Amino acid sequence: MPPRAYWKGSLKLSLVSCPIALYPATTTSEKTRFHMINTETGNRLVQQMVDSGTGDVVEKDQKGRGYEVKKGRYVAIEKDDLSAIQVESNHTIEIDSFVPRDEIDRRYLDHPYYVVPDGKAGTDAFAVIRDAMKDKDRVALGRVVLSNREHVVAIEASGKGMIATTLRYPYEVRDEADYFEGIKTPRISKDMVELAAHILDSKAAHFDPGKFKDDYEAALKALVKRKAAGKTIEAPKPAEREGNVVDLMDALRQSLKGKAGAAARRSRSTSRATTSARRRTAKKSHRSSARSRKAG
């Protein structure tokens, strides 16, 4: 059963609209989490909000939002104040434009949500918008208010539904020039680049998230299990740092040689397995024929 919808409203394309619901497409609930505890008693610690001026503990009904207008001075913002901000994207995602998928800079991608029809009414309109985007291989851009913030969203067809991904604003994306400008441009021989390209070819694959393995999470779960069982936890010896590459060309050649050797070993292993399977099949066939002659 899917979780409760994160947002409900309408998806609008010109005069065509349909009721939709957004559901978070990702979750962190399976990750191992720690709580803060008192190491002497083993009891969990409870956080409290404290008034920075008086030092008094603030009760839940006394907490509120405030914007700092100048150092130490805040203007209180009530929940009703935020409700007074009426923009269309509070309840409607209006599609402003359609853009080619490959033009969206991945740095702007933020949080993905599944988009599904909300009820039977409007299912036809939902399917029309979805299939039109599929046919044109375009991504819709619109706006939606989530958690008291307006976000630009990129909506694309996905199977029977759609996926809406919130996008960051330009002021949230740092300029790459601030980080890349100081990178030197050394002279690299064509042979080195070709060798590196061969190594890339040897590791070519297709994107398959099913092969992703969170080794740290698995080790973390094992550590917690051992600790809960009262077993001693011993820290492994720190790994030795690899030295600097003295000869880049030689390192590339050795890397390629290692990949080629591994490929050859896999090929030999496959060949041996195939030969062995053929032999077993031949033996079974021979025994079966022998039994048939004996029975005759």
C-alpha atoms as a PDB file:
ATOM      1  CA  MET A   1       0.000   0.000   0.000  1.00  0.00           C
ATOM      2  CA  PRO A   2       1.532   3.368  -1.019  1.00  0.00           C
ATOM      3  CA  PRO A   3       2.186   5.994   1.676  1.00  0.00           C
ATOM      4  CA  ARG A   4       0.003   9.047   2.125  1.00  0.00           C
ATOM      5  CA  ALA A   5       0.239  11.568  -0.720  1.00  0.00           C
ATOM      6  CA  TYR A   6       2.771  14.323  -0.118  1.00  0.00           C
ATOM      7  CA  TRP A   7       0.818  16.821  -2.247  1.00  0.00           C
ATOM      8  CA  LYS A   8      -2.530  16.862  -4.018  1.00  0.00           C
ATOM      9  CA  GLY A   9      -3.718  19.276  -6.663  1.00  0.00           C
ATOM     10  CA  SER A  10      -4.126  19.599 -10.410  1.00  0.00           C
ATOM     11  CA  LEU A  11      -1.861  19.245 -13.420  1.00  0.00           C
ATOM     12  CA  LYS A  12      -2.813  21.803 -16.044  1.00  0.00           C
ATOM     13  CA  LEU A  13      -1.868  22.050 -19.705  1.00  0.00           C
ATOM     14  CA  SER A  14      -3.587  25.034 -21.294  1.00  0.00           C
ATOM     15  CA  LEU A  15      -7.321  24.276 -20.869  1.00  0.00           C
ATOM     16  CA  VAL A  16      -6.743  20.581 -20.068  1.00  0.00           C
ATOM     17  CA  SER A  17      -6.362  19.669 -16.397  1.00  0.00           C
ATOM     18  CA  CYS A  18      -6.560  16.603 -14.190  1.00  0.00           C
ATOM     19  CA  PRO A  19      -6.361  15.938 -10.428  1.00  0.00           C
ATOM     20  CA  ILE A  20      -3.035  14.408  -9.383  1.00  0.00           C
ATOM     21  CA  ALA A  21      -1.142  13.313  -6.287  1.00  0.00           C
ATOM     22  CA  LEU A  22       2.609  13.407  -5.622  1.00  0.00           C
ATOM     23  CA  TYR A  23       4.389  10.668  -3.677  1.00  0.00           C
ATOM     24  CA  PRO A  24       8.096  10.744  -2.689  1.00  0.00           C
ATOM     25  CA  ALA A  25       9.978   8.442  -5.078  1.00  0.00           C
ATOM     26  CA  THR A  26      12.863   7.830  -2.654  1.00  0.00           C
ATOM     27  CA  THR A  27      13.165   6.800   0.978  1.00  0.00           C
ATOM     28  CA  THR A  28      15.867   6.517   3.639  1.00  0.00           C
ATOM     29  CA  SER A  29      13.810   4.367   6.021  1.00  0.00           C
ATOM     30  CA  GLU A  30      15.957   1.278   5.351  1.00  0.00           C
ATOM     31  CA  LYS A  31      19.192   2.971   6.364  1.00  0.00           C
ATOM     32  CA  THR A  32      20.712   2.265   9.766  1.00  0.00           C
ATOM     33  CA  ARG A  33      20.088   5.190  12.125  1.00  0.00           C
ATOM     34  CA  PHE A  34      21.544   6.038  15.514  1.00  0.00           C
ATOM     35  CA  HIS A  35      19.974   7.859  18.449  1.00  0.00           C
ATOM     36  CA  MET A  36      21.821  10.000  20.959  1.00  0.00           C
ATOM     37  CA  ILE A  37      22.012   8.213  24.334  1.00  0.00           C
ATOM     38  CA  ASN A  38      23.469   8.735  27.782  1.00  0.00           C
ATOM     39  CA  THR A  39      26.487   6.401  27.744  1.00  0.00           C
ATOM     40  CA  GLU A  40      26.301   5.972  31.523  1.00  0.00           C
ATOM     41  CA  THR A  41      22.628   4.981  31.803  1.00  0.00           C
ATOM     42  CA  GLY A  42      21.932   3.791  28.270  1.00  0.00           C
ATOM     43  CA  ASN A  43      18.828   5.985  28.149  1.00  0.00           C
ATOM     44  CA  ARG A  44      17.918   7.954  25.047  1.00  0.00           C
ATOM     45  CA  LEU A  45      18.525  11.701  25.153  1.00  0.00           C
ATOM     46  CA  VAL A  46      15.655  14.109  24.487  1.00  0.00           C
ATOM     47  CA  GLN A  47      16.375  17.410  22.787  1.00  0.00           C
ATOM     48  CA  GLN A  48      14.791  20.566  24.148  1.00  0.00           C
ATOM     49  CA  MET A  49      14.445  24.064  22.740  1.00  0.00           C
ATOM     50  CA  VAL A  50      16.004  26.689  25.013  1.00  0.00           C
ATOM     51  CA  ASP A  51      15.475  30.450  24.936  1.00  0.00           C
ATOM     52  CA  SER A  52      18.869  31.932  24.043  1.00  0.00           C
ATOM     53  CA  GLY A  53      18.210  34.966  26.246  1.00  0.00           C
ATOM     54  CA  THR A  54      16.645  33.535  29.405  1.00  0.00           C
ATOM     55  CA  GLY A  55      17.936  29.972  29.236  1.00  0.00           C
ATOM     56  CA  ASP A  56      14.413  28.682  29.919  1.00  0.00           C
ATOM     57  CA  VAL A  57      13.080  25.566  28.210  1.00  0.00           C
ATOM     58  CA  VAL A  58      10.461  26.557  25.590  1.00  0.00           C
ATOM     59  CA  GLU A  59       7.302  24.479  25.449  1.00  0.00           C
ATOM     60  CA  LYS A  60       5.923  23.175  22.152  1.00  0.00           C
ATOM     61  CA  ASP A  61       3.025  25.655  22.038  1.00  0.00           C
ATOM     62  CA  GLN A  62       5.470  28.564  22.424  1.00  0.00           C
ATOM     63  CA  LYS A  63       7.580  27.684  19.404  1.00  0.00           C
ATOM     64  CA  GLY A  64       7.190  29.602  16.147  1.00  0.00           C
ATOM     65  CA  ARG A  65       8.988  30.875  13.058  1.00  0.00           C
ATOM     66  CA  GLY A  66      10.891  34.115  12.924  1.00  0.00           C
ATOM     67  CA  TYR A  67      12.921  36.007  10.330  1.00  0.00           C
ATOM     68  CA  GLU A  68      16.027  37.892  11.513  1.00  0.00           C
ATOM     69  CA  VAL A  69      15.644  41.468  10.279  1.00  0.00           C
ATOM     70  CA  LYS A  70      18.826  42.543  12.037  1.00  0.00           C
ATOM     71  CA  LYS A  71      21.227  41.036  14.550  1.00  0.00           C
ATOM     72  CA  GLY A  72      19.176  39.572  17.409  1.00  0.00           C
ATOM     73  CA  ARG A  73      15.865  41.043  16.220  1.00  0.00           C
ATOM     74  CA  TYR A  74      13.228  38.819  14.662  1.00  0.00           C
ATOM     75  CA  VAL A  75       9.826  39.317  13.099  1.00  0.00           C
ATOM     76  CA  ALA A  76       7.423  36.480  13.925  1.00  0.00           C
ATOM     77  CA  ILE A  77       5.851  34.683  10.964  1.00  0.00           C
ATOM     78  CA  GLU A  78       2.643  32.860  11.847  1.00  0.00           C
ATOM     79  CA  LYS A  79       1.210  29.865  10.011  1.00  0.00           C
ATOM     80  CA  ASP A  80      -1.748  31.994   8.945  1.00  0.00           C
ATOM     81  CA  ASP A  81       0.678  34.535   7.469  1.00  0.00           C
ATOM     82  CA  LEU A  82       2.088  31.850   5.179  1.00  0.00           C
ATOM     83  CA  SER A  83      -1.417  30.724   4.230  1.00  0.00           C
ATOM     84  CA  ALA A  84      -2.091  34.280   3.055  1.00  0.00           C
ATOM     85  CA  ILE A  85       0.452  33.813   0.254  1.00  0.00           C
ATOM     86  CA  GLN A  86      -1.841  32.807  -2.577  1.00  0.00           C
ATOM     87  CA  VAL A  87      -0.082  31.691  -5.734  1.00  0.00           C
ATOM     88  CA  GLU A  88      -1.519  29.334  -8.298  1.00  0.00           C
ATOM     89  CA  SER A  89       1.195  26.743  -7.698  1.00  0.00           C
ATOM     90  CA  ASN A  90      -0.201  26.137  -4.198  1.00  0.00           C
ATOM     91  CA  HIS A  91      -2.826  23.862  -5.713  1.00  0.00           C
ATOM     92  CA  THR A  92      -2.022  23.637  -9.423  1.00  0.00           C
ATOM     93  CA  ILE A  93       1.042  22.629 -11.430  1.00  0.00           C
ATOM     94  CA  GLU A  94       0.638  24.573 -14.641  1.00  0.00           C
ATOM     95  CA  ILE A  95       2.930  23.425 -17.434  1.00  0.00           C
ATOM     96  CA  ASP A  96       4.827  26.464 -18.695  1.00  0.00           C
ATOM     97  CA  SER A  97       6.937  24.803 -21.386  1.00  0.00           C
ATOM     98  CA  PHE A  98       8.331  21.546 -22.781  1.00  0.00           C
ATOM     99  CA  VAL A  99      12.088  21.116 -23.144  1.00  0.00           C
ATOM    100  CA  PRO A 100      14.346  18.390 -24.605  1.00  0.00           C
ATOM    101  CA  ARG A 101      15.350  15.915 -21.910  1.00  0.00           C
ATOM    102  CA  ASP A 102      19.097  16.195 -22.629  1.00  0.00           C
ATOM    103  CA  GLU A 103      19.063  19.980 -22.098  1.00  0.00           C
ATOM    104  CA  ILE A 104      18.389  19.670 -18.363  1.00  0.00           C
ATOM    105  CA  ASP A 105      21.618  20.178 -16.416  1.00  0.00           C
ATOM    106  CA  ARG A 106      21.868  17.334 -13.877  1.00  0.00           C
ATOM    107  CA  ARG A 107      23.176  19.727 -11.230  1.00  0.00           C
ATOM    108  CA  TYR A 108      19.695  21.237 -11.039  1.00  0.00           C
ATOM    109  CA  LEU A 109      17.941  17.933 -10.275  1.00  0.00           C
ATOM    110  CA  ASP A 110      16.759  17.731  -6.661  1.00  0.00           C
ATOM    111  CA  HIS A 111      13.998  15.450  -5.287  1.00  0.00           C
ATOM    112  CA  PRO A 112      11.916  13.028  -7.416  1.00  0.00           C
ATOM    113  CA  TYR A 113       8.208  12.348  -6.887  1.00  0.00           C
ATOM    114  CA  TYR A 114       5.819   9.872  -8.483  1.00  0.00           C
ATOM    115  CA  VAL A 115       2.868  11.563 -10.173  1.00  0.00           C
ATOM    116  CA  VAL A 116      -0.371   9.568 -10.299  1.00  0.00           C
ATOM    117  CA  PRO A 117      -3.997  10.440 -11.119  1.00  0.00           C
ATOM    118  CA  ASP A 118      -6.011  11.313  -8.016  1.00  0.00           C
ATOM    119  CA  GLY A 119      -9.201   9.342  -8.538  1.00  0.00           C
ATOM    120  CA  LYS A 120     -10.850   8.187 -11.747  1.00  0.00           C
ATOM    121  CA  ALA A 121     -11.922  11.651 -12.875  1.00  0.00           C
ATOM    122  CA  GLY A 122      -9.324  13.099 -15.186  1.00  0.00           C
ATOM    123  CA  THR A 123      -7.579   9.791 -15.926  1.00  0.00           C
ATOM    124  CA  ASP A 124      -8.059  10.365 -19.649  1.00  0.00           C
ATOM    125  CA  ALA A 125      -6.506  13.846 -19.468  1.00  0.00           C
ATOM    126  CA  PHE A 126      -3.611  12.414 -17.430  1.00  0.00           C
ATOM    127  CA  ALA A 127      -2.959   9.753 -20.090  1.00  0.00           C
ATOM    128  CA  VAL A 128      -3.166  12.289 -22.930  1.00  0.00           C
ATOM    129  CA  ILE A 129      -0.547  14.588 -21.331  1.00  0.00           C
ATOM    130  CA  ARG A 130       1.688  11.616 -20.459  1.00  0.00           C
ATOM    131  CA  ASP A 131       1.556  10.029 -23.910  1.00  0.00           C
ATOM    132  CA  ALA A 132       2.100  13.351 -25.707  1.00  0.00           C
ATOM    133  CA  MET A 133       5.331  13.858 -23.738  1.00  0.00           C
ATOM    134  CA  LYS A 134       6.337  10.289 -24.570  1.00  0.00           C
ATOM    135  CA  ASP A 135       5.768  10.812 -28.291  1.00  0.00           C
ATOM    136  CA  LYS A 136       7.756  14.053 -28.375  1.00  0.00           C
ATOM    137  CA  ASP A 137      10.389  12.868 -25.844  1.00  0.00           C
ATOM    138  CA  ARG A 138       9.963  16.151 -24.018  1.00  0.00           C
ATOM    139  CA  VAL A 139       9.994  17.118 -20.350  1.00  0.00           C
ATOM    140  CA  ALA A 140       7.398  19.530 -18.975  1.00  0.00           C
ATOM    141  CA  LEU A 141       8.461  22.434 -16.748  1.00  0.00           C
ATOM    142  CA  GLY A 142       6.016  23.821 -14.203  1.00  0.00           C
ATOM    143  CA  ARG A 143       5.867  25.239 -10.666  1.00  0.00           C
ATOM    144  CA  VAL A 144       4.547  23.836  -7.383  1.00  0.00           C
ATOM    145  CA  VAL A 145       4.577  24.914  -3.725  1.00  0.00           C
ATOM    146  CA  LEU A 146       5.966  22.216  -1.407  1.00  0.00           C
ATOM    147  CA  SER A 147       6.788  22.823   2.269  1.00  0.00           C
ATOM    148  CA  ASN A 148       6.123  26.563   1.966  1.00  0.00           C
ATOM    149  CA  ARG A 149       8.523  26.928  -0.956  1.00  0.00           C
ATOM    150  CA  GLU A 150       7.784  27.287  -4.651  1.00  0.00           C
ATOM    151  CA  HIS A 151       9.786  24.888  -6.783  1.00  0.00           C
ATOM    152  CA  VAL A 152      10.264  24.519 -10.500  1.00  0.00           C
ATOM    153  CA  VAL A 153       9.499  20.900 -11.416  1.00  0.00           C
ATOM    154  CA  ALA A 154      10.501  18.808 -14.409  1.00  0.00           C
ATOM    155  CA  ILE A 155       7.759  16.300 -15.255  1.00  0.00           C
ATOM    156  CA  GLU A 156       8.378  13.340 -17.554  1.00  0.00           C
ATOM    157  CA  ALA A 157       6.461  10.249 -18.592  1.00  0.00           C
ATOM    158  CA  SER A 158       7.483   7.036 -16.829  1.00  0.00           C
ATOM    159  CA  GLY A 159       5.651   3.797 -17.551  1.00  0.00           C
ATOM    160  CA  LYS A 160       1.955   4.239 -16.721  1.00  0.00           C
ATOM    161  CA  GLY A 161       2.637   7.344 -14.657  1.00  0.00           C
ATOM    162  CA  MET A 162       4.940  10.348 -14.516  1.00  0.00           C
ATOM    163  CA  ILE A 163       7.896  11.500 -12.444  1.00  0.00           C
ATOM    164  CA  ALA A 164       8.179  15.081 -11.214  1.00  0.00           C
ATOM    165  CA  THR A 165      11.634  16.195 -10.095  1.00  0.00           C
ATOM    166  CA  THR A 166      12.045  19.463  -8.234  1.00  0.00           C
ATOM    167  CA  LEU A 167      14.787  21.636  -9.685  1.00  0.00           C
ATOM    168  CA  ARG A 168      17.211  23.906  -7.894  1.00  0.00           C
ATOM    169  CA  TYR A 169      17.275  27.610  -8.661  1.00  0.00           C
ATOM    170  CA  PRO A 170      20.414  29.126 -10.230  1.00  0.00           C
ATOM    171  CA  TYR A 171      21.372  30.765  -6.913  1.00  0.00           C
ATOM    172  CA  GLU A 172      21.519  27.273  -5.342  1.00  0.00           C
ATOM    173  CA  VAL A 173      24.028  25.921  -7.871  1.00  0.00           C
ATOM    174  CA  ARG A 174      27.652  26.891  -7.387  1.00  0.00           C
ATOM    175  CA  ASP A 175      29.679  28.112 -10.340  1.00  0.00           C
ATOM    176  CA  GLU A 176      32.041  25.385 -11.585  1.00  0.00           C
ATOM    177  CA  ALA A 177      34.594  28.020 -12.582  1.00  0.00           C
ATOM    178  CA  ASP A 178      35.270  28.677  -8.882  1.00  0.00           C
ATOM    179  CA  TYR A 179      36.533  25.096  -8.596  1.00  0.00           C
ATOM    180  CA  PHE A 180      37.882  24.218 -12.049  1.00  0.00           C
ATOM    181  CA  GLU A 181      39.708  27.414 -12.888  1.00  0.00           C
ATOM    182  CA  GLY A 182      42.869  26.429 -11.010  1.00  0.00           C
ATOM    183  CA  ILE A 183      43.205  23.010 -12.701  1.00  0.00           C
ATOM    184  CA  LYS A 184      46.336  22.912 -14.814  1.00  0.00           C
ATOM    185  CA  THR A 185      46.320  21.773 -18.437  1.00  0.00           C
ATOM    186  CA  PRO A 186      49.300  19.402 -18.829  1.00  0.00           C
ATOM    187  CA  ARG A 187      50.450  18.006 -22.143  1.00  0.00           C
ATOM    188  CA  ILE A 188      49.062  14.504 -22.524  1.00  0.00           C
ATOM    189  CA  SER A 189      50.188  12.280 -25.369  1.00  0.00           C
ATOM    190  CA  LYS A 190      47.630  10.788 -27.733  1.00  0.00           C
ATOM    191  CA  ASP A 191      48.901   7.279 -26.869  1.00  0.00           C
ATOM    192  CA  MET A 192      48.021   7.795 -23.191  1.00  0.00           C
ATOM    193  CA  VAL A 193      44.508   8.920 -24.027  1.00  0.00           C
ATOM    194  CA  GLU A 194      44.039   5.935 -26.348  1.00  0.00           C
ATOM    195  CA  LEU A 195      45.235   3.517 -23.664  1.00  0.00           C
ATOM    196  CA  ALA A 196      42.851   5.079 -21.148  1.00  0.00           C
ATOM    197  CA  ALA A 197      40.050   4.791 -23.735  1.00  0.00           C
ATOM    198  CA  HIS A 198      40.801   1.060 -24.098  1.00  0.00           C
ATOM    199  CA  ILE A 199      40.502   0.647 -20.320  1.00  0.00           C
ATOM    200  CA  LEU A 200      37.155   2.456 -20.449  1.00  0.00           C
ATOM    201  CA  ASP A 201      35.998   0.106 -23.211  1.00  0.00           C
ATOM    202  CA  SER A 202      36.969  -2.905 -21.107  1.00  0.00           C
ATOM    203  CA  LYS A 203      34.717  -1.650 -18.294  1.00  0.00           C
ATOM    204  CA  ALA A 204      31.809  -0.561 -20.504  1.00  0.00           C
ATOM    205  CA  ALA A 205      28.390  -1.479 -19.081  1.00  0.00           C
ATOM    206  CA  HIS A 206      24.768  -0.380 -18.933  1.00  0.00           C
ATOM    207  CA  PHE A 207      23.254   1.573 -16.053  1.00  0.00           C
ATOM    208  CA  ASP A 208      21.778  -1.040 -13.715  1.00  0.00           C
ATOM    209  CA  PRO A 209      20.878   0.188 -10.192  1.00  0.00           C
ATOM    210  CA  GLY A 210      20.118  -3.427  -9.258  1.00  0.00           C
ATOM    211  CA  LYS A 211      23.870  -3.984  -9.099  1.00  0.00           C
ATOM    212  CA  PHE A 212      24.441  -1.152  -6.630  1.00  0.00           C
ATOM    213  CA  LYS A 213      25.685  -2.524  -3.313  1.00  0.00           C
ATOM    214  CA  ASP A 214      25.948  -0.440  -0.150  1.00  0.00           C
ATOM    215  CA  ASP A 215      28.966  -2.146   1.439  1.00  0.00           C
ATOM    216  CA  TYR A 216      29.180   0.371   4.267  1.00  0.00           C
ATOM    217  CA  GLU A 217      25.511  -0.142   5.233  1.00  0.00           C
ATOM    218  CA  ALA A 218      26.000  -3.926   5.250  1.00  0.00           C
ATOM    219  CA  ALA A 219      29.133  -3.586   7.405  1.00  0.00           C
ATOM    220  CA  LEU A 220      27.284  -1.184   9.718  1.00  0.00           C
ATOM    221  CA  LYS A 221      24.433  -3.656  10.246  1.00  0.00           C
ATOM    222  CA  ALA A 222      26.962  -6.441  10.942  1.00  0.00           C
ATOM    223  CA  LEU A 223      28.792  -4.239  13.450  1.00  0.00           C
ATOM    224  CA  VAL A 224      25.566  -3.397  15.305  1.00  0.00           C
ATOM    225  CA  LYS A 225      24.618  -7.094  15.381  1.00  0.00           C
ATOM    226  CA  ARG A 226      28.016  -8.081  16.820  1.00  0.00           C
ATOM    227  CA  LYS A 227      27.899  -5.265  19.356  1.00  0.00           C
ATOM    228  CA  ALA A 228      24.360  -6.242  20.469  1.00  0.00           C
ATOM    229  CA  ALA A 229      25.565  -9.836  20.930  1.00  0.00           C
ATOM    230  CA  GLY A 230      28.305  -8.619  23.274  1.00  0.00           C
ATOM    231  CA  LYS A 231      31.158  -9.403  20.913  1.00  0.00           C
ATOM    232  CA  THR A 232      34.353  -7.383  20.829  1.00  0.00           C
ATOM    233  CA  ILE A 233      34.788  -4.962  17.954  1.00  0.00           C
ATOM    234  CA  GLU A 234      38.338  -4.770  16.669  1.00  0.00           C
ATOM    235  CA  ALA A 235      39.376  -1.994  14.335  1.00  0.00           C
ATOM    236  CA  PRO A 236      41.233  -3.263  11.239  1.00  0.00           C
ATOM    237  CA  LYS A 237      44.716  -2.089  10.440  1.00  0.00           C
ATOM    238  CA  PRO A 238      44.675   1.115   8.410  1.00  0.00           C
ATOM    239  CA  ALA A 239      45.232   0.489   4.719  1.00  0.00           C
ATOM    240  CA  GLU A 240      48.533   1.630   3.324  1.00  0.00           C
ATOM    241  CA  ARG A 241      48.345   4.634   1.071  1.00  0.00           C
ATOM    242  CA  GLU A 242      49.396   3.977  -2.487  1.00  0.00           C
ATOM    243  CA  GLY A 243      52.422   5.862  -3.650  1.00  0.00           C
ATOM    244  CA  ASN A 244      52.372   8.434  -6.400  1.00  0.00           C
ATOM    245  CA  VAL A 245      52.342   7.125  -9.963  1.00  0.00           C
ATOM    246  CA  VAL A 246      55.867   7.576 -11.289  1.00  0.00           C
ATOM    247  CA  ASP A 247      55.238   6.453 -14.858  1.00  0.00           C
ATOM    248  CA  LEU A 248      51.691   7.169 -16.035  1.00  0.00           C
ATOM    249  CA  MET A 249      52.159   5.382 -19.354  1.00  0.00           C
ATOM    250  CA  ASP A 250      53.410   2.233 -17.606  1.00  0.00           C
ATOM    251  CA  ALA A 251      50.465   2.346 -15.164  1.00  0.00           C
ATOM    252  CA  LEU A 252      48.027   2.591 -18.087  1.00  0.00           C
ATOM    253  CA  ARG A 253      49.676  -0.336 -19.859  1.00  0.00           C
ATOM    254  CA  GLN A 254      49.652  -2.481 -16.715  1.00  0.00           C
ATOM    255  CA  SER A 255      45.983  -1.589 -16.088  1.00  0.00           C
ATOM    256  CA  LEU A 256      45.047  -2.598 -19.626  1.00  0.00           C
ATOM    257  CA  LYS A 257      47.115  -5.776 -19.334  1.00  0.00           C
ATOM    258  CA  GLY A 258      45.317  -6.622 -16.082  1.00  0.00           C
ATOM    259  CA  LYS A 259      41.904  -6.121 -17.687  1.00  0.00           C
ATOM    260  CA  ALA A 260      42.882  -8.187 -20.697  1.00  0.00           C
ATOM    261  CA  GLY A 261      44.185 -10.939 -18.413  1.00  0.00           C
ATOM    262  CA  ALA A 262      40.981 -10.940 -16.391  1.00  0.00           C
ATOM    263  CA  ALA A 263      38.928 -11.128 -19.593  1.00  0.00           C
ATOM    264  CA  ALA A 264      41.064 -14.012 -20.829  1.00  0.00           C
ATOM    265  CA  ARG A 265      40.628 -15.840 -17.511  1.00  0.00           C
ATOM    266  CA  ARG A 266      36.858 -15.354 -17.687  1.00  0.00           C
ATOM    267  CA  SER A 267      36.911 -16.637 -21.276  1.00  0.00           C
ATOM    268  CA  ARG A 268      38.946 -19.713 -20.280  1.00  0.00           C
ATOM    269  CA  SER A 269      36.641 -20.339 -17.332  1.00  0.00           C
ATOM    270  CA  THR A 270      33.568 -20.117 -19.563  1.00  0.00           C
ATOM    271  CA  SER A 271      35.224 -22.400 -22.122  1.00  0.00           C
ATOM    272  CA  ARG A 272      36.075 -24.986 -19.449  1.00  0.00           C
ATOM    273  CA  ALA A 273      32.513 -24.844 -18.082  1.00  0.00           C
ATOM    274  CA  THR A 274      31.084 -25.320 -21.576  1.00  0.00           C
ATOM    275  CA  THR A 275      33.424 -28.265 -22.298  1.00  0.00           C
ATOM    276  CA  SER A 276      32.581 -29.859 -18.953  1.00  0.00           C
ATOM    277  CA  ALA A 277      28.866 -29.475 -19.611  1.00  0.00           C
ATOM    278  CA  ARG A 278      29.243 -31.097 -23.029  1.00  0.00           C
ATOM    279  CA  ARG A 279      31.138 -34.008 -21.505  1.00  0.00           C
ATOM    280  CA  ARG A 280      28.446 -34.536 -18.873  1.00  0.00           C
ATOM    281  CA  THR A 281      25.772 -34.456 -21.566  1.00  0.00           C
ATOM    282  CA  ALA A 282      27.724 -36.952 -23.677  1.00  0.00           C
ATOM    283  CA  LYS A 283      28.185 -39.295 -20.690  1.00  0.00           C
ATOM    284  CA  LYS A 284      24.465 -39.180 -19.875  1.00  0.00           C
ATOM    285  CA  SER A 285      23.624 -39.908 -23.508  1.00  0.00           C
ATOM    286  CA  HIS A 286      26.091 -42.827 -23.569  1.00  0.00           C
ATOM    287  CA  ARG A 287      24.642 -44.316 -20.355  1.00  0.00           C
ATOM    288  CA  SER A 288      21.124 -43.888 -21.671  1.00  0.00           C
ATOM    289  CA  SER A 289      22.022 -45.676 -24.928  1.00  0.00           C
ATOM    290  CA  ALA A 290      23.742 -48.467 -23.027  1.00  0.00           C
ATOM    291  CA  ARG A 291      20.673 -48.983 -20.841  1.00  0.00           C
ATOM    292  CA  SER A 292      18.450 -49.053 -23.936  1.00  0.00           C
ATOM    293  CA  ARG A 293      20.632 -51.741 -25.610  1.00  0.00           C
ATOM    294  CA  LYS A 294      20.671 -53.771 -22.403  1.00  0.00           C
ATOM    295  CA  ALA A 295      16.896 -53.563 -22.069  1.00  0.00           C
ATOM    296  CA  GLY A 296      16.482 -54.611 -25.711  1.00  0.00           C
END
